[in-house]
């Protein structure tokens, strides 16, 4: 998949409604956009194998057990404890090759397999740590893809929420903590992680690609274009930064103060 083809795919995904958002293919396009020299077909084949194995396990195991045993036991997907700040952990091609990564990247494989098998699984944008929500006979259960897909008990969810800085009255609201998010939000979260880490490392080309992917995935959000502009400015591409800030202002109806201020600053640098 070339970078142009990846951008075309992401543009189409961005225009799709949430209920038809192609999570796995869009995640592959994000990875190919970052490094188009890599092959995507082996990752597609792996996803098919995972779904087939999960389907077989569902005949004799509960859904939550089958998911964990398939992704972690059979295919060795787990959280990367030693390279947590590595942007590769948010890239599904790298995750497929290493079988390690960030929780939201691992969740892409969990969600894809579950959806292929007709299981009611969604992402949960839990504070500081992405989780999965699966519906069971006893109500929703939280699964942690970073920790071998294990079930997270309500008491542990509250403890994690408190540790993340939530107030006790909010940390006890499991309905709030377990609210499902769209597949689009899962992928945007991953691109935001890549952008933030690239910016901190001074890798502005990588930061620009990640921010551009966010802009394509959610064409209504002006903030992604502000980040594109910051990354371009970091590379000295001031005309490109100005163009991105102009897009941000158009999307936000000119109301974004940050975009206006940044646009004026960049314009003065150009003159």
Protein backbone atom coordinates (compact mmCIF):
# COMPACT_ATOMS: atom_id res chain seq x y z
CA UNK A 1 0.00 0.00 0.00
CA UNK A 2 1.52 3.32 -1.07
CA UNK A 3 1.26 6.45 1.07
CA UNK A 4 -1.18 7.95 -1.45
CA UNK A 5 -3.36 4.83 -1.31
CA UNK A 6 -3.25 4.95 2.48
CA UNK A 7 -4.41 8.58 2.50
CA UNK A 8 -7.24 7.70 0.11
CA UNK A 9 -8.32 4.88 2.41
CA UNK A 10 -8.19 7.14 5.48
CA UNK A 11 -10.16 9.85 3.68
CA UNK A 12 -12.89 7.32 2.87
CA UNK A 13 -12.86 6.04 6.45
CA UNK A 14 -13.15 9.59 7.76
CA UNK A 15 -16.25 10.15 5.66
CA UNK A 16 -17.89 6.90 6.82
CA UNK A 17 -20.48 6.97 9.64
CA UNK A 18 -19.33 5.56 12.99
CA UNK A 19 -21.39 2.39 12.59
CA UNK A 20 -19.62 1.60 9.30
CA UNK A 21 -16.10 2.69 10.27
CA UNK A 22 -13.56 0.10 8.95
CA UNK A 23 -11.35 -0.13 12.05
CA UNK A 24 -8.90 -2.84 11.01
CA UNK A 25 -8.38 -1.63 7.44
CA UNK A 26 -8.04 1.96 8.62
CA UNK A 27 -5.49 0.88 11.22
CA UNK A 28 -3.52 -0.91 8.49
CA UNK A 29 -3.68 2.22 6.35
CA UNK A 30 -2.31 4.29 9.24
CA UNK A 31 0.64 1.91 9.60
CA UNK A 32 1.28 1.83 5.84
CA UNK A 33 1.08 5.62 5.71
CA UNK A 34 3.88 5.79 8.25
CA UNK A 35 6.09 3.28 6.41
CA UNK A 36 4.78 2.17 2.98
CA UNK A 37 7.70 -0.24 2.44
CA UNK A 38 6.06 -2.83 4.70
CA UNK A 39 3.58 -5.49 3.54
CA UNK A 40 0.00 -5.41 4.84
CA UNK A 41 -1.16 -8.80 3.54
CA UNK A 42 0.59 -10.85 6.29
CA UNK A 43 -1.26 -8.77 8.88
CA UNK A 44 -4.58 -9.36 7.13
CA UNK A 45 -3.84 -13.08 7.05
CA UNK A 46 -2.99 -13.05 10.75
CA UNK A 47 -6.28 -11.32 11.57
CA UNK A 48 -8.16 -14.02 9.67
CA UNK A 49 -6.33 -16.75 11.58
CA UNK A 50 -7.15 -15.10 14.89
CA UNK A 51 -10.86 -14.86 14.04
CA UNK A 52 -10.96 -18.49 12.93
CA UNK A 53 -9.28 -19.67 16.13
CA UNK A 54 -11.60 -17.55 18.26
CA UNK A 55 -14.63 -18.95 16.46
CA UNK A 56 -13.46 -22.46 17.28
CA UNK A 57 -12.92 -21.69 20.95
CA UNK A 58 -16.38 -20.18 21.33
CA UNK A 59 -17.91 -23.65 21.01
CA UNK A 60 -16.49 -24.70 24.37
CA UNK A 61 -15.54 -21.54 26.28
CA UNK A 62 -17.22 -18.34 27.44
CA UNK A 63 -16.68 -15.33 25.21
CA UNK A 64 -14.34 -13.55 27.63
CA UNK A 65 -12.26 -16.71 28.17
CA UNK A 66 -12.12 -17.49 24.46
CA UNK A 67 -10.96 -13.97 23.58
CA UNK A 68 -8.19 -13.98 26.17
CA UNK A 69 -7.01 -17.51 25.35
CA UNK A 70 -7.00 -16.82 21.62
CA UNK A 71 -5.25 -13.46 21.55
CA UNK A 72 -2.83 -14.04 24.41
CA UNK A 73 -2.54 -17.82 24.72
CA UNK A 74 -2.62 -18.84 21.06
CA UNK A 75 -1.16 -15.77 19.37
CA UNK A 76 0.95 -14.30 22.22
CA UNK A 77 -0.40 -10.73 22.07
CA UNK A 78 0.47 -8.81 25.23
CA UNK A 79 1.46 -5.38 26.48
CA UNK A 80 4.97 -4.09 25.89
CA UNK A 81 6.27 -3.45 29.39
CA UNK A 82 9.81 -2.47 28.39
CA UNK A 83 9.26 -0.08 25.47
CA UNK A 84 6.11 1.73 26.57
CA UNK A 85 7.24 5.04 25.07
CA UNK A 86 8.11 3.55 21.69
CA UNK A 87 5.77 4.87 18.97
CA UNK A 88 5.95 1.45 17.27
CA UNK A 89 3.69 0.15 20.02
CA UNK A 90 0.84 2.13 18.42
CA UNK A 91 1.49 0.75 14.91
CA UNK A 92 -0.54 -2.37 14.07
CA UNK A 93 1.99 -3.76 11.59
CA UNK A 94 4.76 -3.53 14.18
CA UNK A 95 2.44 -4.98 16.82
CA UNK A 96 1.57 -7.90 14.55
CA UNK A 97 5.26 -8.60 13.99
CA UNK A 98 6.32 -8.30 17.63
CA UNK A 99 3.04 -9.43 19.28
CA UNK A 100 3.54 -6.56 21.74
CA UNK A 101 2.23 -3.03 21.92
CA UNK A 102 0.06 -0.43 23.58
CA UNK A 103 -3.35 -1.43 24.88
CA UNK A 104 -5.29 0.48 22.20
CA UNK A 105 -3.20 -1.08 19.40
CA UNK A 106 -3.70 -4.56 20.85
CA UNK A 107 -7.40 -3.74 21.12
CA UNK A 108 -7.61 -3.35 17.33
CA UNK A 109 -6.88 -7.08 16.96
CA UNK A 110 -9.25 -7.99 19.80
CA UNK A 111 -12.06 -5.91 18.33
CA UNK A 112 -11.53 -7.17 14.79
CA UNK A 113 -11.64 -10.83 15.85
CA UNK A 114 -14.64 -10.28 18.13
CA UNK A 115 -16.60 -8.47 15.43
CA UNK A 116 -15.90 -11.20 12.89
CA UNK A 117 -17.32 -13.70 15.38
CA UNK A 118 -20.36 -11.58 16.19
CA UNK A 119 -19.36 -10.80 19.77
CA UNK A 120 -20.58 -7.58 21.46
CA UNK A 121 -17.20 -5.98 22.26
CA UNK A 122 -16.36 -2.27 22.29
CA UNK A 123 -13.43 -0.09 23.25
CA UNK A 124 -13.40 1.85 26.53
CA UNK A 125 -11.34 5.04 26.72
CA UNK A 126 -10.46 4.42 30.36
CA UNK A 127 -8.31 7.10 32.05
CA UNK A 128 -4.68 6.42 31.23
CA UNK A 129 -5.29 2.89 29.97
CA UNK A 130 -7.43 1.58 27.13
CA UNK A 131 -9.78 -1.31 27.97
CA UNK A 132 -12.42 -3.42 26.26
CA UNK A 133 -16.05 -3.90 27.22
CA UNK A 134 -17.82 -7.19 26.50
CA UNK A 135 -21.47 -7.83 27.27
CA UNK A 136 -22.17 -10.95 29.32
CA UNK A 137 -25.20 -12.57 30.96
CA UNK A 138 -24.23 -10.78 34.20
CA UNK A 139 -23.70 -7.38 32.59
CA UNK A 140 -20.69 -5.69 31.00
CA UNK A 141 -17.20 -6.97 31.79
CA UNK A 142 -13.93 -5.05 31.40
CA UNK A 143 -11.05 -6.81 29.62
CA UNK A 144 -7.48 -5.55 29.65
CA UNK A 145 -5.69 -6.33 26.34
CA UNK A 146 -2.40 -5.08 27.83
CA UNK A 147 -2.58 -7.68 30.63
CA UNK A 148 -3.32 -10.84 28.67
CA UNK A 149 -6.97 -9.98 28.09
CA UNK A 150 -7.87 -10.69 31.71
CA UNK A 151 -11.12 -9.52 33.29
CA UNK A 152 -10.74 -6.38 35.42
CA UNK A 153 -12.97 -6.43 38.50
CA UNK A 154 -15.07 -3.35 39.40
CA UNK A 155 -12.96 -2.72 42.52
CA UNK A 156 -9.84 -2.68 40.37
CA UNK A 157 -11.46 -0.26 37.92
CA UNK A 158 -12.21 2.12 40.78
CA UNK A 159 -8.67 1.81 42.11
CA UNK A 160 -7.21 2.54 38.69
CA UNK A 161 -9.50 5.53 38.26
CA UNK A 162 -8.43 6.97 41.61
CA UNK A 163 -4.79 6.46 40.70
CA UNK A 164 -5.42 8.30 37.41
CA UNK A 165 -6.61 11.31 39.39
CA UNK A 166 -10.39 10.98 39.22
CA UNK A 167 -12.38 12.05 42.26
CA UNK A 168 -13.96 9.30 44.42
CA UNK A 169 -17.52 10.13 43.34
CA UNK A 170 -16.54 9.73 39.67
CA UNK A 171 -14.27 6.71 40.25
CA UNK A 172 -17.22 4.78 41.72
CA UNK A 173 -19.42 5.34 38.67
CA UNK A 174 -18.80 2.18 36.66
CA UNK A 175 -21.38 3.19 34.06
CA UNK A 176 -19.25 6.26 33.33
CA UNK A 177 -15.91 4.43 33.48
CA UNK A 178 -17.17 1.65 31.19
CA UNK A 179 -18.83 3.86 28.57
CA UNK A 180 -18.04 2.46 25.10
CA UNK A 181 -16.31 4.60 22.47
CA UNK A 182 -16.47 4.46 18.69
CA UNK A 183 -13.93 2.54 16.63
CA UNK A 184 -12.93 5.87 15.11
CA UNK A 185 -12.00 7.12 18.59
CA UNK A 186 -9.78 4.05 19.13
CA UNK A 187 -7.71 4.83 16.06
CA UNK A 188 -7.59 8.58 16.71
CA UNK A 189 -6.28 7.85 20.20
CA UNK A 190 -3.41 5.84 18.71
CA UNK A 191 -2.49 8.64 16.29
CA UNK A 192 -2.58 11.12 19.18
CA UNK A 193 -0.12 8.94 21.10
CA UNK A 194 2.23 8.79 18.11
CA UNK A 195 1.98 12.56 17.61
CA UNK A 196 2.73 13.37 21.25
CA UNK A 197 5.74 11.07 21.42
CA UNK A 198 7.12 12.27 18.10
CA UNK A 199 6.76 15.91 19.15
CA UNK A 200 8.61 15.25 22.40
CA UNK A 201 11.38 13.48 20.50
CA UNK A 202 11.66 16.27 17.93
CA UNK A 203 10.67 13.89 15.10
CA UNK A 204 8.49 16.44 13.31
CA UNK A 205 7.95 14.45 10.07
CA UNK A 206 6.49 11.57 12.11
CA UNK A 207 4.43 14.04 14.14
CA UNK A 208 3.07 15.60 10.95
CA UNK A 209 2.03 12.21 9.51
CA UNK A 210 0.25 11.25 12.73
CA UNK A 211 -1.59 14.57 12.94
CA UNK A 212 -2.55 14.38 9.26
CA UNK A 213 -4.01 10.91 9.82
CA UNK A 214 -6.12 12.33 12.67
CA UNK A 215 -7.33 15.08 10.37
CA UNK A 216 -8.35 12.55 7.72
CA UNK A 217 -10.03 10.21 10.22
CA UNK A 218 -12.13 13.03 11.69
CA UNK A 219 -12.55 15.73 9.03
CA UNK A 220 -14.69 17.84 11.39
CA UNK A 221 -11.99 18.35 14.06
CA UNK A 222 -9.97 21.54 13.64
CA UNK A 223 -7.49 20.56 16.38
CA UNK A 224 -5.76 17.98 14.21
CA UNK A 225 -4.86 20.69 11.69
CA UNK A 226 -3.39 22.84 14.46
CA UNK A 227 -1.11 19.89 15.29
CA UNK A 228 -0.24 19.45 11.60
CA UNK A 229 0.76 23.11 11.56
CA UNK A 230 2.93 22.74 14.67
CA UNK A 231 4.76 19.77 13.16
CA UNK A 232 5.30 21.60 9.87
CA UNK A 233 6.57 24.66 11.68
CA UNK A 234 9.01 22.41 13.54
CA UNK A 235 10.39 21.39 10.13
CA UNK A 236 10.61 24.99 8.93
CA UNK A 237 7.76 24.44 6.44
CA UNK A 238 6.06 27.74 7.27
CA UNK A 239 3.88 27.96 4.17
CA UNK A 240 2.55 24.48 4.87
CA UNK A 241 1.97 25.40 8.51
CA UNK A 242 0.01 28.48 7.44
CA UNK A 243 -2.12 26.38 5.08
CA UNK A 244 -2.91 23.90 7.87
CA UNK A 245 -3.87 26.70 10.26
CA UNK A 246 -6.15 28.12 7.59
CA UNK A 247 -7.92 24.76 7.41
CA UNK A 248 -8.30 24.75 11.18
CA UNK A 249 -9.93 28.18 11.11
CA UNK A 250 -12.33 27.17 8.34
CA UNK A 251 -13.41 24.03 10.22
CA UNK A 252 -13.94 25.93 13.45
CA UNK A 253 -15.66 28.88 11.81
CA UNK A 254 -12.77 31.15 12.77
CA UNK A 255 -13.54 30.69 16.48
CA UNK A 256 -10.34 28.86 17.42
CA UNK A 257 -8.23 31.44 19.22
CA UNK A 258 -5.19 29.14 19.24
CA UNK A 259 -5.39 28.73 15.47
CA UNK A 260 -5.74 32.47 14.91
CA UNK A 261 -2.81 33.32 17.15
CA UNK A 262 -0.60 30.62 15.65
CA UNK A 263 -1.56 31.63 12.11
CA UNK A 264 -0.62 35.25 12.76
CA UNK A 265 2.70 34.22 14.32
CA UNK A 266 3.58 32.01 11.36
CA UNK A 267 2.45 34.66 8.88
CA UNK A 268 4.78 37.19 10.50
CA UNK A 269 7.66 34.75 10.24
CA UNK A 270 7.00 34.38 6.52
CA UNK A 271 7.11 38.14 5.92
